[in-house]
Protein backbone atom coordinates (compact mmCIF):
# COMPACT_ATOMS: atom_id res chain seq x y z
CA UNK A 1 0.00 0.00 0.00
CA UNK A 2 1.26 3.44 -0.91
CA UNK A 3 2.18 5.68 1.99
CA UNK A 4 2.36 9.48 1.92
CA UNK A 5 6.12 9.51 1.28
CA UNK A 6 5.69 7.14 -1.67
CA UNK A 7 2.97 9.34 -3.15
CA UNK A 8 5.09 12.47 -2.78
CA UNK A 9 8.12 10.83 -4.39
CA UNK A 10 6.01 9.57 -7.30
CA UNK A 11 4.43 13.00 -7.81
CA UNK A 12 7.86 14.66 -7.88
CA UNK A 13 9.14 11.94 -10.21
CA UNK A 14 6.20 12.30 -12.61
CA UNK A 15 6.45 16.08 -12.51
CA UNK A 16 10.16 15.94 -13.34
CA UNK A 17 9.61 13.58 -16.28
CA UNK A 18 6.81 15.80 -17.64
CA UNK A 19 9.04 18.87 -17.44
CA UNK A 20 11.91 16.99 -19.08
CA UNK A 21 9.68 15.83 -21.94
CA UNK A 22 7.93 19.16 -22.57
CA UNK A 23 11.20 21.11 -22.35
CA UNK A 24 9.38 24.05 -20.82
CA UNK A 25 12.35 24.55 -18.54
CA UNK A 26 16.05 23.76 -18.87
CA UNK A 27 16.99 20.33 -17.53
CA UNK A 28 19.29 21.78 -14.88
CA UNK A 29 16.49 24.08 -13.68
CA UNK A 30 14.17 21.08 -13.44
CA UNK A 31 16.78 19.23 -11.38
CA UNK A 32 17.10 22.16 -8.97
CA UNK A 33 13.30 22.30 -8.60
CA UNK A 34 13.32 18.58 -7.82
CA UNK A 35 15.94 19.17 -5.14
CA UNK A 36 13.91 21.99 -3.57
CA UNK A 37 10.71 19.94 -3.68
CA UNK A 38 12.41 17.07 -1.87
CA UNK A 39 13.60 19.41 0.89
CA UNK A 40 10.23 21.19 1.14
CA UNK A 41 8.37 17.90 1.57
CA UNK A 42 10.87 16.57 4.10
CA UNK A 43 11.73 13.57 1.96
CA UNK A 44 15.44 14.31 2.31
CA UNK A 45 17.45 16.36 4.77
CA UNK A 46 19.31 19.50 3.71
CA UNK A 47 22.58 17.55 3.92
CA UNK A 48 21.20 14.80 1.68
CA UNK A 49 19.78 17.35 -0.76
CA UNK A 50 23.15 19.04 -1.19
CA UNK A 51 25.19 15.84 -1.11
CA UNK A 52 25.01 15.58 -4.90
CA UNK A 53 27.35 18.55 -5.33
CA UNK A 54 30.03 16.76 -3.30
CA UNK A 55 29.31 13.34 -4.77
CA UNK A 56 32.34 11.45 -6.11
CA UNK A 57 30.31 10.79 -9.26
CA UNK A 58 29.82 14.51 -9.90
CA UNK A 59 33.50 15.27 -9.24
CA UNK A 60 34.48 12.51 -11.65
CA UNK A 61 32.14 13.81 -14.35
CA UNK A 62 33.46 17.37 -14.37
CA UNK A 63 37.07 16.19 -14.08
CA UNK A 64 36.59 14.07 -17.22
CA UNK A 65 35.34 17.17 -19.05
CA UNK A 66 38.61 18.96 -18.21
CA UNK A 67 40.79 16.03 -19.26
CA UNK A 68 38.85 15.76 -22.53
CA UNK A 69 39.38 19.47 -23.19
CA UNK A 70 43.11 19.03 -22.61
CA UNK A 71 43.26 16.28 -25.22
CA UNK A 72 41.39 18.50 -27.65
CA UNK A 73 43.28 21.76 -27.10
CA UNK A 74 46.67 20.04 -27.29
CA UNK A 75 45.79 18.45 -30.64
CA UNK A 76 46.21 14.86 -29.41
CA UNK A 77 42.72 13.83 -30.51
CA UNK A 78 43.01 15.68 -33.84
CA UNK A 79 46.34 14.02 -34.65
CA UNK A 80 44.99 10.55 -33.91
CA UNK A 81 41.87 11.25 -35.96
CA UNK A 82 43.70 12.57 -39.00
CA UNK A 83 46.26 9.77 -38.93
CA UNK A 84 43.54 7.11 -38.96
CA UNK A 85 41.41 8.87 -41.55
CA UNK A 86 44.35 8.82 -43.96
CA UNK A 87 43.72 5.07 -44.22
CA UNK A 88 40.26 5.60 -45.72
CA UNK A 89 41.22 5.49 -49.38
CA UNK A 90 38.23 5.88 -51.70
CA UNK A 91 35.83 3.48 -49.97
CA UNK A 92 32.68 4.63 -48.16
CA UNK A 93 32.54 1.33 -46.28
CA UNK A 94 36.11 1.72 -45.08
CA UNK A 95 35.38 5.31 -44.03
CA UNK A 96 32.35 4.16 -42.02
CA UNK A 97 34.35 1.38 -40.39
CA UNK A 98 37.27 3.60 -39.43
CA UNK A 99 35.25 6.57 -38.20
CA UNK A 100 33.00 4.38 -36.03
CA UNK A 101 35.97 2.46 -34.63
CA UNK A 102 37.90 5.66 -34.01
CA UNK A 103 35.15 7.64 -32.28
CA UNK A 104 34.18 4.56 -30.27
CA UNK A 105 37.70 4.19 -28.89
CA UNK A 106 38.03 7.92 -28.25
CA UNK A 107 34.69 7.99 -26.40
CA UNK A 108 35.95 5.35 -24.01
CA UNK A 109 38.38 7.89 -22.52
CA UNK A 110 36.76 11.27 -23.16
CA UNK A 111 33.20 12.57 -23.18
CA UNK A 112 31.09 11.57 -26.16
CA UNK A 113 30.24 15.09 -27.28
CA UNK A 114 33.90 16.11 -27.33
CA UNK A 115 34.88 13.09 -29.40
CA UNK A 116 32.18 13.77 -32.00
CA UNK A 117 32.95 17.50 -32.09
CA UNK A 118 36.63 16.78 -32.79
CA UNK A 119 35.98 14.26 -35.56
CA UNK A 120 32.96 15.85 -37.23
CA UNK A 121 34.79 18.56 -39.22
CA UNK A 122 37.38 16.08 -40.53
CA UNK A 123 34.71 13.54 -41.44
CA UNK A 124 32.70 16.18 -43.32
CA UNK A 125 35.81 17.31 -45.19
CA UNK A 126 36.76 13.77 -46.23
CA UNK A 127 33.18 12.99 -47.20
CA UNK A 128 33.15 16.06 -49.43
CA UNK A 129 36.33 14.92 -51.18
CA UNK A 130 34.90 11.44 -51.72
CA UNK A 131 31.52 12.81 -52.87
CA UNK A 132 29.73 11.12 -49.93
CA UNK A 133 26.68 12.96 -48.54
CA UNK A 134 27.12 14.21 -44.98
CA UNK A 135 23.86 12.52 -44.00
CA UNK A 136 25.48 9.12 -44.59
CA UNK A 137 28.34 9.78 -42.18
CA UNK A 138 27.31 11.81 -39.15
CA UNK A 139 24.63 9.56 -37.66
CA UNK A 140 26.98 6.53 -37.60
CA UNK A 141 29.56 8.83 -36.00
CA UNK A 142 27.14 9.84 -33.24
CA UNK A 143 25.87 6.30 -32.61
CA UNK A 144 29.39 4.88 -32.39
CA UNK A 145 30.31 7.54 -29.81
CA UNK A 146 27.35 6.48 -27.65
CA UNK A 147 28.36 2.82 -27.94
CA UNK A 148 32.05 3.43 -27.29
CA UNK A 149 31.33 5.27 -24.05
CA UNK A 150 30.21 1.98 -22.54
CA UNK A 151 33.72 0.50 -22.51
CA UNK A 152 35.18 2.23 -19.44
CA UNK A 153 34.04 3.74 -16.17
CA UNK A 154 34.71 7.30 -17.37
CA UNK A 155 33.32 6.82 -20.89
CA UNK A 156 29.86 8.10 -20.03
CA UNK A 157 28.18 9.65 -16.96
CA UNK A 158 25.72 6.73 -16.48
CA UNK A 159 28.64 4.38 -15.75
CA UNK A 160 30.02 6.77 -13.13
CA UNK A 161 26.62 7.37 -11.54
CA UNK A 162 25.62 3.72 -11.48
CA UNK A 163 28.87 2.71 -9.78
CA UNK A 164 28.30 5.38 -7.12
CA UNK A 165 24.70 4.22 -6.51
CA UNK A 166 25.77 0.57 -6.30
CA UNK A 167 28.07 1.42 -3.39
CA UNK A 168 25.19 3.02 -1.45
CA UNK A 169 23.14 -0.19 -1.86
CA UNK A 170 25.97 -2.41 -0.68
CA UNK A 171 26.46 -3.90 -4.16
CA UNK A 172 30.05 -4.38 -5.26
CA UNK A 173 30.72 -1.46 -7.65
CA UNK A 174 32.23 -1.88 -11.09
CA UNK A 175 35.92 -1.27 -11.71
CA UNK A 176 37.41 0.90 -14.44
CA UNK A 177 37.51 -1.79 -17.15
CA UNK A 178 34.63 -3.97 -15.90
CA UNK A 179 32.51 -2.32 -18.59
CA UNK A 180 34.92 -3.33 -21.36
CA UNK A 181 33.55 -6.78 -22.36
CA UNK A 182 29.96 -5.59 -22.72
CA UNK A 183 30.95 -2.22 -24.19
CA UNK A 184 33.33 -3.73 -26.71
CA UNK A 185 30.69 -6.19 -27.85
CA UNK A 186 28.14 -3.38 -28.11
CA UNK A 187 30.50 -1.33 -30.29
CA UNK A 188 31.35 -4.33 -32.48
CA UNK A 189 27.67 -5.14 -32.95
CA UNK A 190 26.94 -1.49 -33.78
CA UNK A 191 29.69 -1.37 -36.39
CA UNK A 192 28.60 -4.68 -37.93
CA UNK A 193 24.97 -3.53 -38.05
CA UNK A 194 25.93 -0.27 -39.74
CA UNK A 195 28.14 -2.01 -42.30
CA UNK A 196 25.67 -4.77 -43.19
CA UNK A 197 22.25 -3.15 -42.71
CA UNK A 198 22.33 0.37 -41.36
CA UNK A 199 24.14 2.05 -44.24
CA UNK A 200 21.27 1.10 -46.53
CA UNK A 201 18.86 2.87 -44.15
CA UNK A 202 20.87 6.08 -43.96
CA UNK A 203 19.26 9.00 -45.80
CA UNK A 204 20.97 10.24 -48.94
CA UNK A 205 19.72 13.74 -48.35
CA UNK A 206 22.60 16.22 -48.38
CA UNK A 207 23.82 16.83 -51.96
CA UNK A 208 27.43 16.28 -52.90
CA UNK A 209 29.64 18.36 -55.12
CA UNK A 210 31.19 21.73 -54.36
CA UNK A 211 31.06 23.30 -50.93
CA UNK A 212 27.67 24.93 -51.30
CA UNK A 213 25.99 21.75 -52.51
CA UNK A 214 27.69 19.67 -49.86
CA UNK A 215 26.43 21.87 -47.03
CA UNK A 216 22.92 22.76 -48.15
CA UNK A 217 19.78 20.71 -47.54
CA UNK A 218 17.63 22.95 -49.69
CA UNK A 219 18.39 26.19 -51.54
CA UNK A 220 18.96 29.11 -49.24
CA UNK A 221 17.09 32.39 -49.28
CA UNK A 222 18.83 35.66 -48.52
CA UNK A 223 18.33 39.37 -48.99
CA UNK A 224 20.98 41.53 -50.69
CA UNK A 225 20.94 45.28 -51.34
CA UNK A 226 21.97 46.96 -54.60
CA UNK A 227 24.98 49.19 -53.96
CA UNK A 228 25.73 52.52 -55.58
CA UNK A 229 28.37 50.94 -57.84
CA UNK A 230 26.36 47.85 -58.78
CA UNK A 231 26.08 46.97 -62.47
CA UNK A 232 22.39 46.17 -61.90
CA UNK A 233 21.46 49.85 -61.63
CA UNK A 234 18.95 50.97 -64.25
CA UNK A 235 18.30 47.46 -65.59
CA UNK A 236 15.25 45.26 -65.41
CA UNK A 237 15.59 41.77 -63.96
CA UNK A 238 15.41 40.15 -67.39
CA UNK A 239 18.18 42.44 -68.65
CA UNK A 240 20.49 41.58 -65.76
CA UNK A 241 20.51 37.86 -66.51
CA UNK A 242 21.00 37.18 -62.80
CA UNK A 243 18.70 34.15 -62.93
CA UNK A 244 20.27 32.54 -65.98
CA UNK A 245 23.87 33.38 -65.15
CA UNK A 246 23.80 32.19 -61.54
CA UNK A 247 20.81 29.83 -61.39
CA UNK A 248 19.05 32.11 -58.89
CA UNK A 249 15.41 32.99 -58.38
CA UNK A 250 14.52 36.59 -57.51
CA UNK A 251 11.44 36.17 -55.33
CA UNK A 252 10.83 39.88 -54.80
CA UNK A 253 12.29 43.35 -55.00
CA UNK A 254 11.55 45.93 -52.33
CA UNK A 255 12.38 49.57 -51.91
CA UNK A 256 14.30 50.95 -48.96
CA UNK A 257 10.96 51.80 -47.35
CA UNK A 258 10.11 48.07 -47.42
CA UNK A 259 7.39 48.52 -50.08
CA UNK A 260 7.43 45.60 -52.52
CA UNK A 261 7.75 46.30 -56.25
CA UNK A 262 4.61 45.10 -58.03
CA UNK A 263 5.66 45.17 -61.73
CA UNK A 264 8.96 43.28 -61.64
CA UNK A 265 9.19 42.73 -65.41
CA UNK A 266 9.41 46.43 -66.27
CA UNK A 267 10.90 47.85 -63.07
CA UNK A 268 14.37 49.37 -63.37
CA UNK A 269 16.49 48.54 -60.37
CA UNK A 270 17.70 51.43 -58.24
CA UNK A 271 20.30 52.08 -55.57
CA UNK A 272 19.10 50.76 -52.21
CA UNK A 273 16.63 48.23 -53.64
CA UNK A 274 16.67 44.87 -51.87
CA UNK A 275 16.49 41.54 -53.72
CA UNK A 276 15.31 38.32 -52.12
CA UNK A 277 17.39 35.62 -53.82
CA UNK A 278 16.81 31.88 -53.76
CA UNK A 279 19.56 29.49 -54.76
CA UNK A 280 22.66 27.54 -53.78
CA UNK A 281 24.90 29.38 -51.30
CA UNK A 282 27.90 29.46 -53.63
CA UNK A 283 25.76 30.87 -56.45
CA UNK A 284 24.49 33.60 -54.13
CA UNK A 285 28.06 34.45 -53.14
CA UNK A 286 29.15 34.56 -56.80
CA UNK A 287 26.26 36.87 -57.74
CA UNK A 288 27.03 39.08 -54.77
CA UNK A 289 30.60 39.51 -55.96
CA UNK A 290 29.70 39.97 -59.63
CA UNK A 291 27.05 42.63 -59.06
CA UNK A 292 28.59 44.29 -55.99
CA UNK A 293 25.58 43.57 -53.83
CA UNK A 294 25.60 44.38 -50.14
CA UNK A 295 24.44 42.55 -47.02
CA UNK A 296 21.18 43.69 -45.48
CA UNK A 297 21.69 44.65 -41.85
CA UNK A 298 18.76 43.73 -39.66
CA UNK A 299 20.53 44.18 -36.35
CA UNK A 300 22.72 46.80 -34.77
CA UNK A 301 26.41 46.03 -35.26
CA UNK A 302 29.49 47.54 -36.84
CA UNK A 303 29.04 47.42 -40.59
CA UNK A 304 31.08 44.49 -41.92
CA UNK A 305 33.24 45.21 -44.93
CA UNK A 306 35.49 42.71 -46.74
CA UNK A 307 39.19 43.38 -46.54
CA UNK A 308 41.41 42.43 -49.45
CA UNK A 309 40.46 40.64 -52.62
CA UNK A 310 37.01 39.05 -52.71
CA UNK A 311 38.55 35.87 -54.11
CA UNK A 312 40.20 35.31 -50.76
CA UNK A 313 36.79 34.99 -49.15
CA UNK A 314 35.58 31.67 -47.90
CA UNK A 315 32.12 30.15 -47.59
CA UNK A 316 31.57 27.62 -44.84
CA UNK A 317 29.15 26.42 -42.20
CA UNK A 318 29.72 26.82 -38.48
CA UNK A 319 27.78 25.44 -35.55
CA UNK A 320 27.64 26.07 -31.84
CA UNK A 321 30.42 24.32 -29.95
CA UNK A 322 29.58 22.11 -26.96
CA UNK A 323 28.99 24.32 -23.89
CA UNK A 324 28.79 27.42 -26.08
CA UNK A 325 27.83 30.64 -24.31
CA UNK A 326 25.85 31.60 -27.41
CA UNK A 327 23.04 29.12 -26.79
CA UNK A 328 19.71 30.95 -26.41
CA UNK A 329 21.33 34.20 -27.60
CA UNK A 330 20.75 36.07 -30.86
CA UNK A 331 23.34 37.40 -33.30
CA UNK A 332 22.45 40.89 -32.12
CA UNK A 333 23.21 39.98 -28.50
CA UNK A 334 26.46 38.26 -29.50
CA UNK A 335 27.65 41.11 -31.71
CA UNK A 336 28.57 38.48 -34.30
CA UNK A 337 29.93 40.63 -37.11
CA UNK A 338 31.92 42.88 -34.82
CA UNK A 339 33.42 39.92 -32.95
CA UNK A 340 34.19 37.54 -35.84
CA UNK A 341 34.26 39.74 -39.00
CA UNK A 342 32.11 37.11 -40.69
CA UNK A 343 28.84 37.66 -42.53
CA UNK A 344 25.91 35.33 -41.82
CA UNK A 345 24.00 34.46 -44.99
CA UNK A 346 21.47 32.07 -43.42
CA UNK A 347 20.75 30.04 -40.30
CA UNK A 348 19.44 26.48 -40.24
CA UNK A 349 17.37 26.31 -37.07
CA UNK A 350 15.54 23.11 -36.08
CA UNK A 351 15.81 21.83 -39.64
CA UNK A 352 14.45 25.02 -41.24
CA UNK A 353 16.36 27.73 -43.10
CA UNK A 354 15.92 31.30 -41.87
CA UNK A 355 16.98 34.44 -43.71
CA UNK A 356 14.73 37.17 -42.36
CA UNK A 357 15.51 38.94 -39.07
CA UNK A 358 18.54 36.76 -38.44
CA UNK A 359 19.76 39.09 -35.75
CA UNK A 360 16.76 38.32 -33.56
CA UNK A 361 16.78 34.52 -33.89
CA UNK A 362 17.69 32.71 -30.68
CA UNK A 363 20.43 30.18 -31.45
CA UNK A 364 20.14 26.61 -30.17
CA UNK A 365 22.64 23.79 -29.88
CA UNK A 366 22.57 21.92 -33.20
CA UNK A 367 21.85 25.05 -35.30
CA UNK A 368 24.21 25.79 -38.17
CA UNK A 369 25.14 29.14 -39.66
CA UNK A 370 26.14 29.68 -43.28
CA UNK A 371 28.83 32.36 -43.11
CA UNK A 372 31.21 34.12 -45.45
CA UNK A 373 34.45 35.91 -44.74
CA UNK A 374 38.26 35.85 -45.00
CA UNK A 375 39.78 32.38 -44.73
CA UNK A 376 41.98 33.33 -41.78
CA UNK A 377 38.89 34.17 -39.74
CA UNK A 378 37.79 30.54 -39.95
CA UNK A 379 41.22 29.38 -38.76
CA UNK A 380 40.67 31.44 -35.62
CA UNK A 381 37.57 29.37 -34.83
CA UNK A 382 39.66 26.25 -34.21
CA UNK A 383 40.22 27.06 -30.54
CA UNK A 384 37.11 29.19 -30.14
CA UNK A 385 35.04 27.91 -27.19
CA UNK A 386 31.72 29.00 -28.66
CA UNK A 387 31.75 28.23 -32.40
CA UNK A 388 33.06 25.34 -34.46
CA UNK A 389 33.84 25.49 -38.18
CA UNK A 390 32.65 22.36 -39.94
CA UNK A 391 35.71 21.70 -42.03
CA UNK A 392 38.92 19.79 -41.46
CA UNK A 393 40.98 21.68 -38.86
CA UNK A 394 44.66 22.56 -39.07
CA UNK A 395 46.28 20.60 -36.27
CA UNK A 396 49.26 22.96 -36.19
CA UNK A 397 46.95 25.67 -34.86
CA UNK A 398 46.36 23.60 -31.72
CA UNK A 399 48.62 23.80 -28.65
CA UNK A 400 50.68 20.92 -30.01
CA UNK A 401 53.75 21.62 -27.85
CA UNK A 402 51.69 20.27 -24.95
CA UNK A 403 50.50 17.14 -26.75
CA UNK A 404 53.02 14.83 -25.08
CA UNK A 405 52.12 16.14 -21.63
CA UNK A 406 48.40 15.64 -22.27
CA UNK A 407 48.90 12.11 -23.59
CA UNK A 408 51.17 11.19 -20.65
CA UNK A 409 48.61 12.46 -18.14
CA UNK A 410 45.85 10.42 -19.77
CA UNK A 411 47.95 7.23 -19.80
CA UNK A 412 48.95 7.61 -16.14
CA UNK A 413 45.34 8.19 -15.08
CA UNK A 414 44.07 5.20 -17.07
CA UNK A 415 46.78 2.85 -15.77
CA UNK A 416 46.26 3.87 -12.14
CA UNK A 417 42.49 3.64 -12.52
CA UNK A 418 42.81 0.15 -13.99
CA UNK A 419 44.75 -1.07 -10.96
CA UNK A 420 41.86 -0.20 -8.66
CA UNK A 421 44.28 0.99 -5.97
CA UNK A 422 42.97 4.56 -5.98
CA UNK A 423 39.42 5.93 -5.77
CA UNK A 424 38.32 7.11 -9.20
CA UNK A 425 37.11 10.60 -8.19
CA UNK A 426 40.38 11.94 -6.69
CA UNK A 427 42.31 10.19 -9.47
CA UNK A 428 40.33 11.99 -12.18
CA UNK A 429 40.62 15.23 -10.24
CA UNK A 430 44.40 14.78 -10.10
CA UNK A 431 44.46 14.21 -13.85
CA UNK A 432 42.43 17.35 -14.46
CA UNK A 433 44.68 19.45 -12.23
CA UNK A 434 47.75 17.98 -13.92
CA UNK A 435 46.40 19.33 -17.21
CA UNK A 436 46.22 22.79 -15.62
CA UNK A 437 49.56 22.68 -13.77
CA UNK A 438 51.45 21.57 -16.89
CA UNK A 439 49.70 24.38 -18.81
CA UNK A 440 48.05 22.04 -21.28
CA UNK A 441 44.91 23.98 -20.45
CA UNK A 442 44.40 27.18 -18.47
CA UNK A 443 42.10 27.33 -15.47
CA UNK A 444 39.74 29.59 -17.39
CA UNK A 445 39.60 27.01 -20.20
CA UNK A 446 39.02 24.28 -17.62
CA UNK A 447 36.01 26.12 -16.23
CA UNK A 448 34.68 26.62 -19.76
CA UNK A 449 35.19 22.94 -20.60
CA UNK A 450 32.87 21.75 -17.85
CA UNK A 451 29.29 21.18 -18.91
CA UNK A 452 27.75 22.91 -15.90
CA UNK A 453 24.25 22.07 -17.08
CA UNK A 454 25.12 18.36 -16.77
CA UNK A 455 26.77 18.90 -13.38
CA UNK A 456 23.72 20.66 -11.92
CA UNK A 457 21.41 18.10 -13.51
CA UNK A 458 23.23 15.19 -11.89
CA UNK A 459 23.67 16.95 -8.53
CA UNK A 460 20.00 17.84 -8.45
CA UNK A 461 18.71 14.39 -9.44
CA UNK A 462 20.89 12.33 -7.09
CA UNK A 463 18.78 13.32 -4.04
CA UNK A 464 15.72 11.95 -5.86
CA UNK A 465 17.50 8.59 -5.99
CA UNK A 466 18.12 8.87 -2.25
CA UNK A 467 14.44 9.65 -1.66
CA UNK A 468 13.36 6.69 -3.78
CA UNK A 469 15.56 4.42 -1.70
CA UNK A 470 14.79 5.74 1.81
CA UNK A 471 11.04 6.03 1.20
CA UNK A 472 10.84 2.52 -0.24
CA UNK A 473 9.44 3.83 -3.53
CA UNK A 474 12.13 2.13 -5.59
CA UNK A 475 11.35 -1.16 -3.89
CA UNK A 476 7.60 -0.73 -4.52
CA UNK A 477 8.20 -0.05 -8.21
CA UNK A 478 10.58 -3.01 -8.38
CA UNK A 479 7.97 -5.28 -6.82
CA UNK A 480 5.47 -4.18 -9.47
CA UNK A 481 7.94 -5.00 -12.25
CA UNK A 482 8.55 -8.44 -10.74
CA UNK A 483 4.82 -9.00 -10.26
CA UNK A 484 4.06 -8.20 -13.90
CA UNK A 485 6.96 -10.08 -15.50
CA UNK A 486 8.47 -12.37 -12.87
CA UNK A 487 6.44 -15.41 -13.91
CA UNK A 488 8.17 -15.33 -17.29
CA UNK A 489 11.62 -15.79 -15.79
CA UNK A 490 14.59 -13.67 -14.78
CA UNK A 491 15.73 -13.06 -18.36
CA UNK A 492 12.37 -11.51 -19.24
CA UNK A 493 12.56 -9.26 -16.18
CA UNK A 494 16.07 -8.23 -17.23
CA UNK A 495 14.75 -7.42 -20.69
CA UNK A 496 11.93 -5.33 -19.22
CA UNK A 497 14.38 -3.29 -17.14
CA UNK A 498 16.43 -2.64 -20.28
CA UNK A 499 13.37 -1.61 -22.31
CA UNK A 500 12.05 0.69 -19.58
CA UNK A 501 15.41 2.46 -19.32
CA UNK A 502 15.88 2.66 -23.09
CA UNK A 503 12.48 4.33 -23.51
CA UNK A 504 13.06 6.68 -20.59
CA UNK A 505 16.44 7.85 -21.88
CA UNK A 506 14.81 8.98 -25.14
CA UNK A 507 12.78 11.62 -23.30
CA UNK A 508 15.07 12.54 -20.38
CA UNK A 509 18.85 12.76 -20.19
CA UNK A 510 20.85 9.56 -19.80
CA UNK A 511 22.09 10.79 -16.42
CA UNK A 512 18.54 11.34 -15.16
CA UNK A 513 17.44 7.96 -16.52
CA UNK A 514 20.33 6.30 -14.69
CA UNK A 515 19.56 7.97 -11.36
CA UNK A 516 15.91 6.94 -11.63
CA UNK A 517 16.32 3.41 -12.95
CA UNK A 518 19.42 2.00 -11.21
CA UNK A 519 17.74 1.93 -7.74
CA UNK A 520 14.76 0.15 -9.29
CA UNK A 521 17.03 -2.31 -11.13
CA UNK A 522 18.92 -3.14 -7.93
CA UNK A 523 15.69 -3.66 -5.97
CA UNK A 524 14.36 -5.88 -8.76
CA UNK A 525 17.47 -8.05 -8.43
CA UNK A 526 17.06 -8.16 -4.66
CA UNK A 527 13.41 -9.21 -5.04
CA UNK A 528 14.44 -12.03 -7.36
CA UNK A 529 17.38 -12.99 -5.11
CA UNK A 530 19.81 -12.71 -8.02
CA UNK A 531 23.05 -10.82 -8.66
CA UNK A 532 22.36 -7.10 -9.07
CA UNK A 533 25.39 -6.41 -11.27
CA UNK A 534 23.89 -7.68 -14.57
CA UNK A 535 20.76 -5.61 -13.92
CA UNK A 536 22.83 -2.48 -13.35
CA UNK A 537 24.95 -3.20 -16.43
CA UNK A 538 21.79 -3.62 -18.53
CA UNK A 539 20.46 -0.33 -17.16
CA UNK A 540 23.54 1.75 -17.97
CA UNK A 541 23.81 0.16 -21.42
CA UNK A 542 20.20 1.14 -22.12
CA UNK A 543 20.70 4.64 -20.70
CA UNK A 544 23.75 5.23 -22.90
CA UNK A 545 22.32 4.00 -26.20
CA UNK A 546 19.82 6.63 -27.31
CA UNK A 547 19.20 5.91 -30.97
CA UNK A 548 15.49 6.55 -31.54
CA UNK A 549 15.23 10.35 -31.43
CA UNK A 550 17.53 13.31 -32.13
CA UNK A 551 16.80 14.75 -28.67
CA UNK A 552 17.79 11.64 -26.72
CA UNK A 553 21.42 12.71 -26.39
CA UNK A 554 23.46 15.84 -27.19
CA UNK A 555 25.55 14.05 -29.82
CA UNK A 556 22.36 13.35 -31.75
CA UNK A 557 21.44 17.03 -31.51
CA UNK A 558 24.93 18.05 -32.62
CA UNK A 559 24.70 16.18 -35.95
CA UNK A 560 20.98 16.74 -36.55
CA UNK A 561 21.08 20.08 -38.36
CA UNK A 562 24.45 19.63 -40.05
CA UNK A 563 23.47 16.24 -41.45
CA UNK A 564 20.12 17.50 -42.71
CA UNK A 565 18.31 14.76 -40.83
CA UNK A 566 14.62 14.39 -40.12
CA UNK A 567 13.21 13.21 -36.81
CA UNK A 568 12.14 9.90 -38.35
CA UNK A 569 15.65 9.11 -39.64
CA UNK A 570 16.80 8.26 -36.12
CA UNK A 571 13.99 5.82 -35.48
CA UNK A 572 14.40 4.08 -38.83
CA UNK A 573 18.09 3.47 -38.25
CA UNK A 574 18.04 3.19 -34.46
CA UNK A 575 15.27 0.67 -33.81
CA UNK A 576 17.31 -2.21 -35.23
CA UNK A 577 20.31 -1.20 -33.16
CA UNK A 578 18.22 -1.02 -30.00
CA UNK A 579 16.86 -4.50 -30.68
CA UNK A 580 20.41 -5.81 -31.12
CA UNK A 581 21.41 -4.24 -27.79
CA UNK A 582 18.41 -5.96 -26.19
CA UNK A 583 19.51 -9.26 -27.71
CA UNK A 584 23.01 -8.69 -26.31
CA UNK A 585 21.55 -8.09 -22.84
CA UNK A 586 19.39 -11.22 -22.73
CA UNK A 587 21.90 -13.64 -24.32
CA UNK A 588 25.51 -12.55 -23.69
CA UNK A 589 25.32 -10.29 -20.63
CA UNK A 590 24.30 -13.11 -18.24
CA UNK A 591 27.35 -15.05 -19.41
CA UNK A 592 29.70 -12.15 -18.61
CA UNK A 593 27.90 -11.21 -15.38
CA UNK A 594 26.16 -14.35 -14.05
CA UNK A 595 22.73 -13.90 -12.50
CA UNK A 596 23.43 -16.45 -9.77
């Protein structure tokens, strides 16, 4: 029978899930509200509510972010990536194999988002050279990163959190490489699935060819103003030949007072008139140069003017970097042109191209910006903490003189962690501080590298796990799972725990899903009088393999806009992979981690 504490915990749990799903509030804000609700209802003490911020799991998570940033800034990850990608040759299958293997191995020792962010520009560049659509490369890259994170304790936050929760329940926690057998099998199965089946399900949506056709999903729209020295002055549209010469559509002409021209066929273009052009980005850029057209400013900023020869200008796509400060800010608030000396031609936001009022559009993680400017300005983005150019980076622009130090620190941390002689949290903290002391990364860069949203999310949700345990709610939910499925056998119950977690992680973060489901999984094992370790391993594997939606994990969001994907693309490709992971759990996992 449900008691008052159980009802309160369930109400808070349901409320949190609803807020996570609806995305009315940021996930870290939701976590803080959960924490406050637990204190207000007396379900946890103040000390228990704040214990998440001092949790070894939380310390380990943010320390891994710093170590990952050190590997990135020093160029270690870029060098490894470029060396392996040289082996690609001309084969799409070999490219898929190598990029999935590479990002999987990298994700075992650094956070998944960082691994994908490092490899994505190089993969796009190589795909362009081989005439392979971006949409056929980036989703396998993201999925392999999720799978590879399952190979070590620090590969993904669910592994760290689950190990911490196991200790509180008196269950022997996992060691650093205890995840390796299951994780390695998961990665191998994922690669085999993609090579044999998945690549035929990948969309062939992003065109190949030159830069503009490689990056666009559809033709872009943009407004350009006729300058005082433009050769279009005094001509009608048919006389200019702008459509025939550059394969562009002129959708309208408007005066400076924003009044649209009604008789386009006979209207003679004048200084200050604005043309709305539709076409490929490179064609728009070529027409802009040929006719001396000007950008239309729709926000307050210093007027951008090209310096030097126009032929030196570069057209590329940039996206928000992980942990960018520009998320939820507009170009006007950023002062984009003044800060970067780059001109934004269009923004792809949530799969849709935007050209009007760009300065007022609130940027989101996963958005991409089509920009033009001097080539050297794009080189400066390599170490920019807020923006990432989606083209192969120049490794020499990294802090390569510190590469050996960064690699040595990583190796020492991994070796010591593997011995099990030192607690993982202080060991990771020591590795992070070693990156700072040896000047691989500055303290300011270390602070910027930490995903504070994830830290506050985890710290805020951990007390909910405590409340579920102390109130007996986790045990009650576990008893219901056993009651509904126990008659079918332990393997079926194990499968149900996996499915429940896999579905939950598609609508809430993998960290939140872990905190909510691991206590239930352990109590299910206790109810069945079996070993809890395989149930926990199944739970973290399910929490870390979000393949069905683009919002299930940040790496899916990162490649969504750039790859030109639709929401349904993830489900079509991911459902088979999820079923294979389920098959792995019910057949192989009990052999690696016996139930009895």
